[in-house]
PDB file of N, CA and C in Angstrom:
ATOM      1  N   MET A   1      11.879   7.637   1.912  1.00  0.00           N
ATOM      2  CA  MET A   1      11.799   6.932   0.645  1.00  0.00           C
ATOM      3  C   MET A   1      11.235   7.876  -0.415  1.00  0.00           C
ATOM      4  N   ASN A   2      11.570   7.574  -1.651  1.00  0.00           N
ATOM      5  CA  ASN A   2      10.981   8.310  -2.751  1.00  0.00           C
ATOM      6  C   ASN A   2      10.114   7.364  -3.580  1.00  0.00           C
ATOM      7  N   ILE A   3       9.493   7.885  -4.613  1.00  0.00           N
ATOM      8  CA  ILE A   3       8.534   7.110  -5.396  1.00  0.00           C
ATOM      9  C   ILE A   3       9.175   5.884  -6.047  1.00  0.00           C
ATOM     10  N   GLU A   4      10.386   6.018  -6.549  1.00  0.00           N
ATOM     11  CA  GLU A   4      11.070   4.880  -7.181  1.00  0.00           C
ATOM     12  C   GLU A   4      11.417   3.806  -6.156  1.00  0.00           C
ATOM     13  N   GLU A   5      11.803   4.218  -4.960  1.00  0.00           N
ATOM     14  CA  GLU A   5      12.116   3.241  -3.916  1.00  0.00           C
ATOM     15  C   GLU A   5      10.868   2.466  -3.496  1.00  0.00           C
ATOM     16  N   VAL A   6       9.736   3.154  -3.417  1.00  0.00           N
ATOM     17  CA  VAL A   6       8.471   2.466  -3.096  1.00  0.00           C
ATOM     18  C   VAL A   6       8.166   1.444  -4.184  1.00  0.00           C
ATOM     19  N   ARG A   7       8.274   1.853  -5.431  1.00  0.00           N
ATOM     20  CA  ARG A   7       8.001   0.940  -6.555  1.00  0.00           C
ATOM     21  C   ARG A   7       8.963  -0.239  -6.543  1.00  0.00           C
ATOM     22  N   GLU A   8      10.251   0.024  -6.429  1.00  0.00           N
ATOM     23  CA  GLU A   8      11.249  -1.040  -6.443  1.00  0.00           C
ATOM     24  C   GLU A   8      11.044  -2.019  -5.291  1.00  0.00           C
ATOM     25  N   TYR A   9      10.760  -1.500  -4.107  1.00  0.00           N
ATOM     26  CA  TYR A   9      10.555  -2.394  -2.969  1.00  0.00           C
ATOM     27  C   TYR A   9       9.305  -3.249  -3.175  1.00  0.00           C
ATOM     28  N   SER A  10       8.232  -2.647  -3.639  1.00  0.00           N
ATOM     29  CA  SER A  10       6.992  -3.397  -3.871  1.00  0.00           C
ATOM     30  C   SER A  10       7.228  -4.513  -4.884  1.00  0.00           C
ATOM     31  N   LEU A  11       7.948  -4.211  -5.946  1.00  0.00           N
ATOM     32  CA  LEU A  11       8.227  -5.219  -6.980  1.00  0.00           C
ATOM     33  C   LEU A  11       9.224  -6.276  -6.526  1.00  0.00           C
ATOM     34  N   SER A  12       9.973  -5.997  -5.461  1.00  0.00           N
ATOM     35  CA  SER A  12      10.946  -6.981  -4.970  1.00  0.00           C
ATOM     36  C   SER A  12      10.285  -8.122  -4.202  1.00  0.00           C
ATOM     37  N   LEU A  13       9.043  -7.942  -3.807  1.00  0.00           N
ATOM     38  CA  LEU A  13       8.337  -8.985  -3.068  1.00  0.00           C
ATOM     39  C   LEU A  13       7.939 -10.105  -4.027  1.00  0.00           C
ATOM     40  N   PRO A  14       7.933 -11.354  -3.571  1.00  0.00           N
ATOM     41  CA  PRO A  14       7.682 -12.491  -4.461  1.00  0.00           C
ATOM     42  C   PRO A  14       6.351 -12.411  -5.204  1.00  0.00           C
ATOM     43  N   GLU A  15       6.415 -12.664  -6.502  1.00  0.00           N
ATOM     44  CA  GLU A  15       5.250 -12.800  -7.371  1.00  0.00           C
ATOM     45  C   GLU A  15       4.398 -11.534  -7.508  1.00  0.00           C
ATOM     46  N   VAL A  16       4.957 -10.388  -7.221  1.00  0.00           N
ATOM     47  CA  VAL A  16       4.216  -9.137  -7.347  1.00  0.00           C
ATOM     48  C   VAL A  16       4.198  -8.701  -8.814  1.00  0.00           C
ATOM     49  N   THR A  17       3.033  -8.240  -9.241  1.00  0.00           N
ATOM     50  CA  THR A  17       2.881  -7.659 -10.575  1.00  0.00           C
ATOM     51  C   THR A  17       2.407  -6.222 -10.422  1.00  0.00           C
ATOM     52  N   GLU A  18       2.602  -5.450 -11.469  1.00  0.00           N
ATOM     53  CA  GLU A  18       2.119  -4.072 -11.466  1.00  0.00           C
ATOM     54  C   GLU A  18       1.328  -3.824 -12.741  1.00  0.00           C
ATOM     55  N   ASP A  19       0.345  -2.947 -12.645  1.00  0.00           N
ATOM     56  CA  ASP A  19      -0.410  -2.523 -13.813  1.00  0.00           C
ATOM     57  C   ASP A  19      -1.041  -1.172 -13.513  1.00  0.00           C
ATOM     58  N   MET A  20      -1.741  -0.636 -14.497  1.00  0.00           N
ATOM     59  CA  MET A  20      -2.321   0.703 -14.366  1.00  0.00           C
ATOM     60  C   MET A  20      -3.797   0.673 -14.769  1.00  0.00           C
ATOM     61  N   PRO A  21      -4.640  -0.020 -14.005  1.00  0.00           N
ATOM     62  CA  PRO A  21      -6.044  -0.157 -14.386  1.00  0.00           C
ATOM     63  C   PRO A  21      -6.860   1.125 -14.232  1.00  0.00           C
ATOM     64  N   PHE A  22      -6.354   2.085 -13.485  1.00  0.00           N
ATOM     65  CA  PHE A  22      -7.097   3.316 -13.221  1.00  0.00           C
ATOM     66  C   PHE A  22      -6.578   4.503 -14.027  1.00  0.00           C
ATOM     67  N   GLY A  23      -5.738   4.239 -15.031  1.00  0.00           N
ATOM     68  CA  GLY A  23      -5.177   5.304 -15.843  1.00  0.00           C
ATOM     69  C   GLY A  23      -3.717   5.559 -15.522  1.00  0.00           C
ATOM     70  N   ASP A  24      -3.191   6.624 -16.102  1.00  0.00           N
ATOM     71  CA  ASP A  24      -1.761   6.926 -16.002  1.00  0.00           C
ATOM     72  C   ASP A  24      -1.337   7.542 -14.672  1.00  0.00           C
ATOM     73  N   ASP A  25      -2.268   7.804 -13.779  1.00  0.00           N
ATOM     74  CA  ASP A  25      -1.942   8.474 -12.517  1.00  0.00           C
ATOM     75  C   ASP A  25      -1.615   7.531 -11.367  1.00  0.00           C
ATOM     76  N   ASN A  26      -1.821   6.230 -11.554  1.00  0.00           N
ATOM     77  CA  ASN A  26      -1.626   5.269 -10.467  1.00  0.00           C
ATOM     78  C   ASN A  26      -1.015   3.977 -10.977  1.00  0.00           C
ATOM     79  N   ILE A  27      -0.105   3.427 -10.187  1.00  0.00           N
ATOM     80  CA  ILE A  27       0.403   2.081 -10.433  1.00  0.00           C
ATOM     81  C   ILE A  27      -0.149   1.200  -9.318  1.00  0.00           C
ATOM     82  N   VAL A  28      -0.742   0.093  -9.705  1.00  0.00           N
ATOM     83  CA  VAL A  28      -1.306  -0.853  -8.757  1.00  0.00           C
ATOM     84  C   VAL A  28      -0.363  -2.050  -8.644  1.00  0.00           C
ATOM     85  N   PHE A  29      -0.120  -2.491  -7.418  1.00  0.00           N
ATOM     86  CA  PHE A  29       0.716  -3.661  -7.168  1.00  0.00           C
ATOM     87  C   PHE A  29      -0.179  -4.765  -6.635  1.00  0.00           C
ATOM     88  N   ARG A  30       0.003  -5.972  -7.215  1.00  0.00           N
ATOM     89  CA  ARG A  30      -0.870  -7.097  -6.884  1.00  0.00           C
ATOM     90  C   ARG A  30      -0.057  -8.328  -6.510  1.00  0.00           C
ATOM     91  N   ILE A  31      -0.672  -9.155  -5.683  1.00  0.00           N
ATOM     92  CA  ILE A  31      -0.176 -10.495  -5.411  1.00  0.00           C
ATOM     93  C   ILE A  31      -1.325 -11.431  -5.759  1.00  0.00           C
ATOM     94  N   ASN A  32      -1.064 -12.370  -6.652  1.00  0.00           N
ATOM     95  CA  ASN A  32      -2.094 -13.303  -7.131  1.00  0.00           C
ATOM     96  C   ASN A  32      -3.337 -12.572  -7.619  1.00  0.00           C
ATOM     97  N   GLY A  33      -3.139 -11.459  -8.301  1.00  0.00           N
ATOM     98  CA  GLY A  33      -4.246 -10.715  -8.885  1.00  0.00           C
ATOM     99  C   GLY A  33      -4.973  -9.777  -7.947  1.00  0.00           C
ATOM    100  N   LYS A  34      -4.640  -9.790  -6.664  1.00  0.00           N
ATOM    101  CA  LYS A  34      -5.309  -8.944  -5.671  1.00  0.00           C
ATOM    102  C   LYS A  34      -4.431  -7.749  -5.310  1.00  0.00           C
ATOM    103  N   ILE A  35      -5.036  -6.577  -5.288  1.00  0.00           N
ATOM    104  CA  ILE A  35      -4.309  -5.334  -5.011  1.00  0.00           C
ATOM    105  C   ILE A  35      -3.939  -5.241  -3.526  1.00  0.00           C
ATOM    106  N   PHE A  36      -2.679  -4.884  -3.282  1.00  0.00           N
ATOM    107  CA  PHE A  36      -2.269  -4.586  -1.909  1.00  0.00           C
ATOM    108  C   PHE A  36      -1.733  -3.162  -1.764  1.00  0.00           C
ATOM    109  N   LEU A  37      -1.446  -2.493  -2.903  1.00  0.00           N
ATOM    110  CA  LEU A  37      -0.908  -1.140  -2.834  1.00  0.00           C
ATOM    111  C   LEU A  37      -1.211  -0.406  -4.135  1.00  0.00           C
ATOM    112  N   CYS A  38      -1.580   0.855  -4.012  1.00  0.00           N
ATOM    113  CA  CYS A  38      -1.819   1.717  -5.174  1.00  0.00           C
ATOM    114  C   CYS A  38      -0.969   2.976  -5.002  1.00  0.00           C
ATOM    115  N   LEU A  39       0.023   3.117  -5.867  1.00  0.00           N
ATOM    116  CA  LEU A  39       0.974   4.224  -5.800  1.00  0.00           C
ATOM    117  C   LEU A  39       0.491   5.369  -6.691  1.00  0.00           C
ATOM    118  N   CYS A  40       0.261   6.514  -6.075  1.00  0.00           N
ATOM    119  CA  CYS A  40      -0.203   7.700  -6.805  1.00  0.00           C
ATOM    120  C   CYS A  40       1.006   8.384  -7.448  1.00  0.00           C
ATOM    121  N   LEU A  41       0.925   8.615  -8.751  1.00  0.00           N
ATOM    122  CA  LEU A  41       2.077   9.131  -9.482  1.00  0.00           C
ATOM    123  C   LEU A  41       2.128  10.651  -9.575  1.00  0.00           C
ATOM    124  N   ASN A  42       0.988  11.305  -9.625  1.00  0.00           N
ATOM    125  CA  ASN A  42       0.979  12.748  -9.862  1.00  0.00           C
ATOM    126  C   ASN A  42       0.410  13.543  -8.695  1.00  0.00           C
ATOM    127  N   ALA A  43       0.485  13.006  -7.518  1.00  0.00           N
ATOM    128  CA  ALA A  43      -0.085  13.677  -6.355  1.00  0.00           C
ATOM    129  C   ALA A  43       0.792  14.866  -5.938  1.00  0.00           C
ATOM    130  N   VAL A  44       0.153  15.904  -5.443  1.00  0.00           N
ATOM    131  CA  VAL A  44       0.888  17.052  -4.914  1.00  0.00           C
ATOM    132  C   VAL A  44       1.753  16.603  -3.744  1.00  0.00           C
ATOM    133  N   GLU A  45       1.157  15.821  -2.846  1.00  0.00           N
ATOM    134  CA  GLU A  45       1.901  15.208  -1.750  1.00  0.00           C
ATOM    135  C   GLU A  45       2.033  13.723  -2.068  1.00  0.00           C
ATOM    136  N   PRO A  46       3.247  13.242  -2.380  1.00  0.00           N
ATOM    137  CA  PRO A  46       3.426  11.841  -2.751  1.00  0.00           C
ATOM    138  C   PRO A  46       2.903  10.886  -1.673  1.00  0.00           C
ATOM    139  N   HIS A  47       2.121   9.899  -2.134  1.00  0.00           N
ATOM    140  CA  HIS A  47       1.556   8.925  -1.213  1.00  0.00           C
ATOM    141  C   HIS A  47       1.135   7.668  -1.956  1.00  0.00           C
ATOM    142  N   PHE A  48       0.824   6.639  -1.189  1.00  0.00           N
ATOM    143  CA  PHE A  48       0.216   5.445  -1.743  1.00  0.00           C
ATOM    144  C   PHE A  48      -0.889   4.991  -0.808  1.00  0.00           C
ATOM    145  N   ALA A  49      -1.849   4.275  -1.371  1.00  0.00           N
ATOM    146  CA  ALA A  49      -2.900   3.656  -0.578  1.00  0.00           C
ATOM    147  C   ALA A  49      -2.506   2.197  -0.387  1.00  0.00           C
ATOM    148  N   THR A  50      -2.671   1.703   0.826  1.00  0.00           N
ATOM    149  CA  THR A  50      -2.331   0.311   1.096  1.00  0.00           C
ATOM    150  C   THR A  50      -3.362  -0.325   2.007  1.00  0.00           C
ATOM    151  N   LYS A  51      -3.508  -1.626   1.854  1.00  0.00           N
ATOM    152  CA  LYS A  51      -4.496  -2.373   2.628  1.00  0.00           C
ATOM    153  C   LYS A  51      -3.847  -2.932   3.888  1.00  0.00           C
ATOM    154  N   LEU A  52      -4.447  -2.617   5.030  1.00  0.00           N
ATOM    155  CA  LEU A  52      -3.986  -3.136   6.317  1.00  0.00           C
ATOM    156  C   LEU A  52      -5.198  -3.579   7.123  1.00  0.00           C
ATOM    157  N   ARG A  53      -4.947  -4.339   8.172  1.00  0.00           N
ATOM    158  CA  ARG A  53      -6.047  -4.739   9.054  1.00  0.00           C
ATOM    159  C   ARG A  53      -6.702  -3.481   9.639  1.00  0.00           C
ATOM    160  N   PRO A  54      -8.022  -3.487   9.824  1.00  0.00           N
ATOM    161  CA  PRO A  54      -8.709  -2.287  10.330  1.00  0.00           C
ATOM    162  C   PRO A  54      -8.105  -1.731  11.614  1.00  0.00           C
ATOM    163  N   GLU A  55      -7.773  -2.615  12.551  1.00  0.00           N
ATOM    164  CA  GLU A  55      -7.212  -2.130  13.819  1.00  0.00           C
ATOM    165  C   GLU A  55      -5.824  -1.524  13.627  1.00  0.00           C
ATOM    166  N   ARG A  56      -5.072  -2.035  12.664  1.00  0.00           N
ATOM    167  CA  ARG A  56      -3.756  -1.486  12.366  1.00  0.00           C
ATOM    168  C   ARG A  56      -3.891  -0.094  11.742  1.00  0.00           C
ATOM    169  N   ASN A  57      -4.857   0.066  10.841  1.00  0.00           N
ATOM    170  CA  ASN A  57      -5.114   1.384  10.254  1.00  0.00           C
ATOM    171  C   ASN A  57      -5.440   2.402  11.335  1.00  0.00           C
ATOM    172  N   GLU A  58      -6.310   2.050  12.248  1.00  0.00           N
ATOM    173  CA  GLU A  58      -6.674   2.958  13.341  1.00  0.00           C
ATOM    174  C   GLU A  58      -5.452   3.339  14.172  1.00  0.00           C
ATOM    175  N   GLU A  59      -4.661   2.337  14.510  1.00  0.00           N
ATOM    176  CA  GLU A  59      -3.467   2.553  15.326  1.00  0.00           C
ATOM    177  C   GLU A  59      -2.506   3.527  14.647  1.00  0.00           C
ATOM    178  N   LEU A  60      -2.205   3.288  13.380  1.00  0.00           N
ATOM    179  CA  LEU A  60      -1.261   4.150  12.662  1.00  0.00           C
ATOM    180  C   LEU A  60      -1.793   5.559  12.485  1.00  0.00           C
ATOM    181  N   ARG A  61      -3.088   5.683  12.210  1.00  0.00           N
ATOM    182  CA  ARG A  61      -3.685   7.015  12.028  1.00  0.00           C
ATOM    183  C   ARG A  61      -3.658   7.827  13.320  1.00  0.00           C
ATOM    184  N   GLU A  62      -3.825   7.151  14.442  1.00  0.00           N
ATOM    185  CA  GLU A  62      -3.771   7.841  15.737  1.00  0.00           C
ATOM    186  C   GLU A  62      -2.358   8.297  16.067  1.00  0.00           C
ATOM    187  N   GLN A  63      -1.363   7.514  15.642  1.00  0.00           N
ATOM    188  CA  GLN A  63       0.025   7.803  15.996  1.00  0.00           C
ATOM    189  C   GLN A  63       0.719   8.784  15.052  1.00  0.00           C
ATOM    190  N   LEU A  64       0.334   8.764  13.764  1.00  0.00           N
ATOM    191  CA  LEU A  64       1.092   9.510  12.766  1.00  0.00           C
ATOM    192  C   LEU A  64       0.180  10.386  11.901  1.00  0.00           C
ATOM    193  N   GLU A  65       0.502  11.650  11.791  1.00  0.00           N
ATOM    194  CA  GLU A  65      -0.306  12.538  10.960  1.00  0.00           C
ATOM    195  C   GLU A  65      -0.163  12.230   9.479  1.00  0.00           C
ATOM    196  N   TRP A  66       0.874  11.483   9.089  1.00  0.00           N
ATOM    197  CA  TRP A  66       1.126  11.168   7.685  1.00  0.00           C
ATOM    198  C   TRP A  66       0.508   9.841   7.264  1.00  0.00           C
ATOM    199  N   VAL A  67      -0.348   9.292   8.088  1.00  0.00           N
ATOM    200  CA  VAL A  67      -1.154   8.126   7.732  1.00  0.00           C
ATOM    201  C   VAL A  67      -2.603   8.545   7.898  1.00  0.00           C
ATOM    202  N   ARG A  68      -3.350   8.488   6.796  1.00  0.00           N
ATOM    203  CA  ARG A  68      -4.732   8.994   6.783  1.00  0.00           C
ATOM    204  C   ARG A  68      -5.652   7.987   6.089  1.00  0.00           C
ATOM    205  N   PRO A  69      -6.952   8.095   6.328  1.00  0.00           N
ATOM    206  CA  PRO A  69      -7.883   7.221   5.596  1.00  0.00           C
ATOM    207  C   PRO A  69      -7.689   7.404   4.089  1.00  0.00           C
ATOM    208  N   ALA A  70      -7.677   6.304   3.356  1.00  0.00           N
ATOM    209  CA  ALA A  70      -7.455   6.368   1.910  1.00  0.00           C
ATOM    210  C   ALA A  70      -8.612   7.079   1.221  1.00  0.00           C
ATOM    211  N   TRP A  71      -8.268   7.972   0.323  1.00  0.00           N
ATOM    212  CA  TRP A  71      -9.256   8.846  -0.305  1.00  0.00           C
ATOM    213  C   TRP A  71     -10.274   8.075  -1.137  1.00  0.00           C
ATOM    214  N   HIS A  72      -9.841   7.213  -2.041  1.00  0.00           N
ATOM    215  CA  HIS A  72     -10.744   6.534  -2.966  1.00  0.00           C
ATOM    216  C   HIS A  72     -10.923   5.049  -2.647  1.00  0.00           C
ATOM    217  N   TRP A  73     -10.629   4.634  -1.443  1.00  0.00           N
ATOM    218  CA  TRP A  73     -10.689   3.226  -1.069  1.00  0.00           C
ATOM    219  C   TRP A  73     -11.535   3.089   0.193  1.00  0.00           C
ATOM    220  N   ASN A  74     -11.857   1.869   0.538  1.00  0.00           N
ATOM    221  CA  ASN A  74     -12.597   1.600   1.767  1.00  0.00           C
ATOM    222  C   ASN A  74     -11.744   2.061   2.951  1.00  0.00           C
ATOM    223  N   LYS A  75     -12.217   3.057   3.650  1.00  0.00           N
ATOM    224  CA  LYS A  75     -11.419   3.693   4.699  1.00  0.00           C
ATOM    225  C   LYS A  75     -11.181   2.803   5.914  1.00  0.00           C
ATOM    226  N   LYS A  76     -11.986   1.797   6.063  1.00  0.00           N
ATOM    227  CA  LYS A  76     -11.781   0.840   7.162  1.00  0.00           C
ATOM    228  C   LYS A  76     -10.547  -0.024   6.893  1.00  0.00           C
ATOM    229  N   HIS A  77     -10.343  -0.385   5.633  1.00  0.00           N
ATOM    230  CA  HIS A  77      -9.297  -1.341   5.275  1.00  0.00           C
ATOM    231  C   HIS A  77      -8.072  -0.717   4.607  1.00  0.00           C
ATOM    232  N   TRP A  78      -8.190   0.520   4.160  1.00  0.00           N
ATOM    233  CA  TRP A  78      -7.111   1.148   3.393  1.00  0.00           C
ATOM    234  C   TRP A  78      -6.703   2.484   4.016  1.00  0.00           C
ATOM    235  N   SER A  79      -5.395   2.737   3.994  1.00  0.00           N
ATOM    236  CA  SER A  79      -4.859   4.023   4.450  1.00  0.00           C
ATOM    237  C   SER A  79      -3.964   4.620   3.375  1.00  0.00           C
ATOM    238  N   ASP A  80      -3.953   5.953   3.311  1.00  0.00           N
ATOM    239  CA  ASP A  80      -2.977   6.670   2.498  1.00  0.00           C
ATOM    240  C   ASP A  80      -1.741   6.904   3.356  1.00  0.00           C
ATOM    241  N   ILE A  81      -0.592   6.529   2.816  1.00  0.00           N
ATOM    242  CA  ILE A  81       0.686   6.693   3.501  1.00  0.00           C
ATOM    243  C   ILE A  81       1.489   7.750   2.746  1.00  0.00           C
ATOM    244  N   TYR A  82       1.797   8.846   3.405  1.00  0.00           N
ATOM    245  CA  TYR A  82       2.590   9.928   2.818  1.00  0.00           C
ATOM    246  C   TYR A  82       4.060   9.632   3.123  1.00  0.00           C
ATOM    247  N   TYR A  83       4.630   8.765   2.294  1.00  0.00           N
ATOM    248  CA  TYR A  83       5.889   8.074   2.564  1.00  0.00           C
ATOM    249  C   TYR A  83       7.114   8.975   2.670  1.00  0.00           C
ATOM    250  N   GLU A  84       7.115  10.135   2.063  1.00  0.00           N
ATOM    251  CA  GLU A  84       8.304  10.999   2.141  1.00  0.00           C
ATOM    252  C   GLU A  84       8.510  11.575   3.536  1.00  0.00           C
ATOM    253  N   HIS A  85       7.484  11.526   4.365  1.00  0.00           N
ATOM    254  CA  HIS A  85       7.556  12.088   5.720  1.00  0.00           C
ATOM    255  C   HIS A  85       7.803  11.028   6.788  1.00  0.00           C
ATOM    256  N   ILE A  86       7.947   9.773   6.371  1.00  0.00           N
ATOM    257  CA  ILE A  86       8.034   8.661   7.319  1.00  0.00           C
ATOM    258  C   ILE A  86       9.330   7.892   7.076  1.00  0.00           C
ATOM    259  N   ASP A  87       9.915   7.384   8.134  1.00  0.00           N
ATOM    260  CA  ASP A  87      11.131   6.587   8.043  1.00  0.00           C
ATOM    261  C   ASP A  87      10.931   5.431   7.056  1.00  0.00           C
ATOM    262  N   GLY A  88      11.894   5.242   6.178  1.00  0.00           N
ATOM    263  CA  GLY A  88      11.817   4.218   5.150  1.00  0.00           C
ATOM    264  C   GLY A  88      11.630   2.811   5.680  1.00  0.00           C
ATOM    265  N   ARG A  89      12.195   2.515   6.836  1.00  0.00           N
ATOM    266  CA  ARG A  89      12.020   1.173   7.421  1.00  0.00           C
ATOM    267  C   ARG A  89      10.560   0.919   7.756  1.00  0.00           C
ATOM    268  N   CYS A  90       9.888   1.932   8.277  1.00  0.00           N
ATOM    269  CA  CYS A  90       8.454   1.795   8.588  1.00  0.00           C
ATOM    270  C   CYS A  90       7.646   1.612   7.312  1.00  0.00           C
ATOM    271  N   VAL A  91       7.962   2.383   6.293  1.00  0.00           N
ATOM    272  CA  VAL A  91       7.237   2.288   5.025  1.00  0.00           C
ATOM    273  C   VAL A  91       7.384   0.874   4.458  1.00  0.00           C
ATOM    274  N   LYS A  92       8.593   0.335   4.450  1.00  0.00           N
ATOM    275  CA  LYS A  92       8.820  -1.026   3.960  1.00  0.00           C
ATOM    276  C   LYS A  92       8.053  -2.046   4.798  1.00  0.00           C
ATOM    277  N   GLU A  93       8.043  -1.838   6.099  1.00  0.00           N
ATOM    278  CA  GLU A  93       7.323  -2.743   6.997  1.00  0.00           C
ATOM    279  C   GLU A  93       5.835  -2.768   6.644  1.00  0.00           C
ATOM    280  N   TRP A  94       5.238  -1.602   6.391  1.00  0.00           N
ATOM    281  CA  TRP A  94       3.811  -1.529   6.086  1.00  0.00           C
ATOM    282  C   TRP A  94       3.503  -2.108   4.711  1.00  0.00           C
ATOM    283  N   ILE A  95       4.401  -1.911   3.753  1.00  0.00           N
ATOM    284  CA  ILE A  95       4.213  -2.514   2.433  1.00  0.00           C
ATOM    285  C   ILE A  95       4.234  -4.033   2.568  1.00  0.00           C
ATOM    286  N   THR A  96       5.194  -4.542   3.314  1.00  0.00           N
ATOM    287  CA  THR A  96       5.290  -5.988   3.536  1.00  0.00           C
ATOM    288  C   THR A  96       4.070  -6.499   4.285  1.00  0.00           C
ATOM    289  N   GLU A  97       3.614  -5.750   5.257  1.00  0.00           N
ATOM    290  CA  GLU A  97       2.429  -6.123   6.023  1.00  0.00           C
ATOM    291  C   GLU A  97       1.196  -6.221   5.115  1.00  0.00           C
ATOM    292  N   ALA A  98       1.038  -5.258   4.225  1.00  0.00           N
ATOM    293  CA  ALA A  98      -0.083  -5.272   3.275  1.00  0.00           C
ATOM    294  C   ALA A  98       0.028  -6.469   2.336  1.00  0.00           C
ATOM    295  N   TYR A  99       1.214  -6.698   1.828  1.00  0.00           N
ATOM    296  CA  TYR A  99       1.472  -7.842   0.948  1.00  0.00           C
ATOM    297  C   TYR A  99       1.100  -9.153   1.651  1.00  0.00           C
ATOM    298  N   ASN A 100       1.586  -9.328   2.874  1.00  0.00           N
ATOM    299  CA  ASN A 100       1.309 -10.553   3.624  1.00  0.00           C
ATOM    300  C   ASN A 100      -0.181 -10.726   3.922  1.00  0.00           C
ATOM    301  N   LEU A 101      -0.860  -9.635   4.223  1.00  0.00           N
ATOM    302  CA  LEU A 101      -2.291  -9.688   4.500  1.00  0.00           C
ATOM    303  C   LEU A 101      -3.059 -10.195   3.282  1.00  0.00           C
ATOM    304  N   VAL A 102      -2.789  -9.626   2.133  1.00  0.00           N
ATOM    305  CA  VAL A 102      -3.499 -10.014   0.911  1.00  0.00           C
ATOM    306  C   VAL A 102      -3.096 -11.418   0.478  1.00  0.00           C
ATOM    307  N   GLU A 103      -1.819 -11.736   0.595  1.00  0.00           N
ATOM    308  CA  GLU A 103      -1.360 -13.080   0.226  1.00  0.00           C
ATOM    309  C   GLU A 103      -1.999 -14.145   1.114  1.00  0.00           C
ATOM    310  N   SER A 104      -2.087 -13.889   2.402  1.00  0.00           N
ATOM    311  CA  SER A 104      -2.667 -14.881   3.318  1.00  0.00           C
ATOM    312  C   SER A 104      -4.150 -15.090   3.033  1.00  0.00           C
ATOM    313  N   LYS A 105      -4.853 -14.039   2.660  1.00  0.00           N
ATOM    314  CA  LYS A 105      -6.270 -14.184   2.300  1.00  0.00           C
ATOM    315  C   LYS A 105      -6.418 -15.011   1.035  1.00  0.00           C
ATOM    316  N   ASN A 106      -5.516 -14.833   0.081  1.00  0.00           N
ATOM    317  CA  ASN A 106      -5.556 -15.626  -1.147  1.00  0.00           C
ATOM    318  C   ASN A 106      -5.293 -17.098  -0.849  1.00  0.00           C
ATOM    319  N   LYS A 107      -4.357 -17.393   0.041  1.00  0.00           N
ATOM    320  CA  LYS A 107      -4.036 -18.782   0.389  1.00  0.00           C
ATOM    321  C   LYS A 107      -5.223 -19.461   1.047  1.00  0.00           C
ATOM    322  N   ARG A 108      -5.916 -18.740   1.930  1.00  0.00           N
ATOM    323  CA  ARG A 108      -7.089 -19.322   2.604  1.00  0.00           C
ATOM    324  C   ARG A 108      -8.196 -19.640   1.610  1.00  0.00           C
ATOM    325  N   LYS A 109      -8.396 -18.764   0.637  1.00  0.00           N
ATOM    326  CA  LYS A 109      -9.453 -18.979  -0.355  1.00  0.00           C
ATOM    327  C   LYS A 109      -9.157 -20.146  -1.279  1.00  0.00           C
ATOM    328  N   SER A 110      -7.877 -20.396  -1.547  1.00  0.00           N
ATOM    329  CA  SER A 110      -7.504 -21.454  -2.471  1.00  0.00           C
ATOM    330  C   SER A 110      -7.548 -22.835  -1.842  1.00  0.00           C
ATOM    331  N   LYS A 111      -7.700 -22.913  -0.510  1.00  0.00           N
ATOM    332  CA  LYS A 111      -7.742 -24.226   0.172  1.00  0.00           C
ATOM    333  C   LYS A 111      -9.112 -24.843   0.077  1.00  0.00           C
TER     334      LYS A 111
END
């Protein structure tokens, strides 16, 4: 996948919004106001930070060198995904997984 494909796929998920609260270097994708993905725009190695369950982050980091603890995020809950080195189906799966995780937490809080 490339940067535009990551952006387009993230925006294709229901009710997703994007904004740039951290400046011109990052696009943040949200569901119900909560961030699930931060796409780095000017990185030397293209990547995004995404929120996954802690055990899932550990699993992916052990299996793939292109999944690392997120640099500026809580490393327990967030991983940097270097998407150009990973099969696009996996990248989409992880984006969807992050979206579902954040959406489900929002639904529980609203009850």
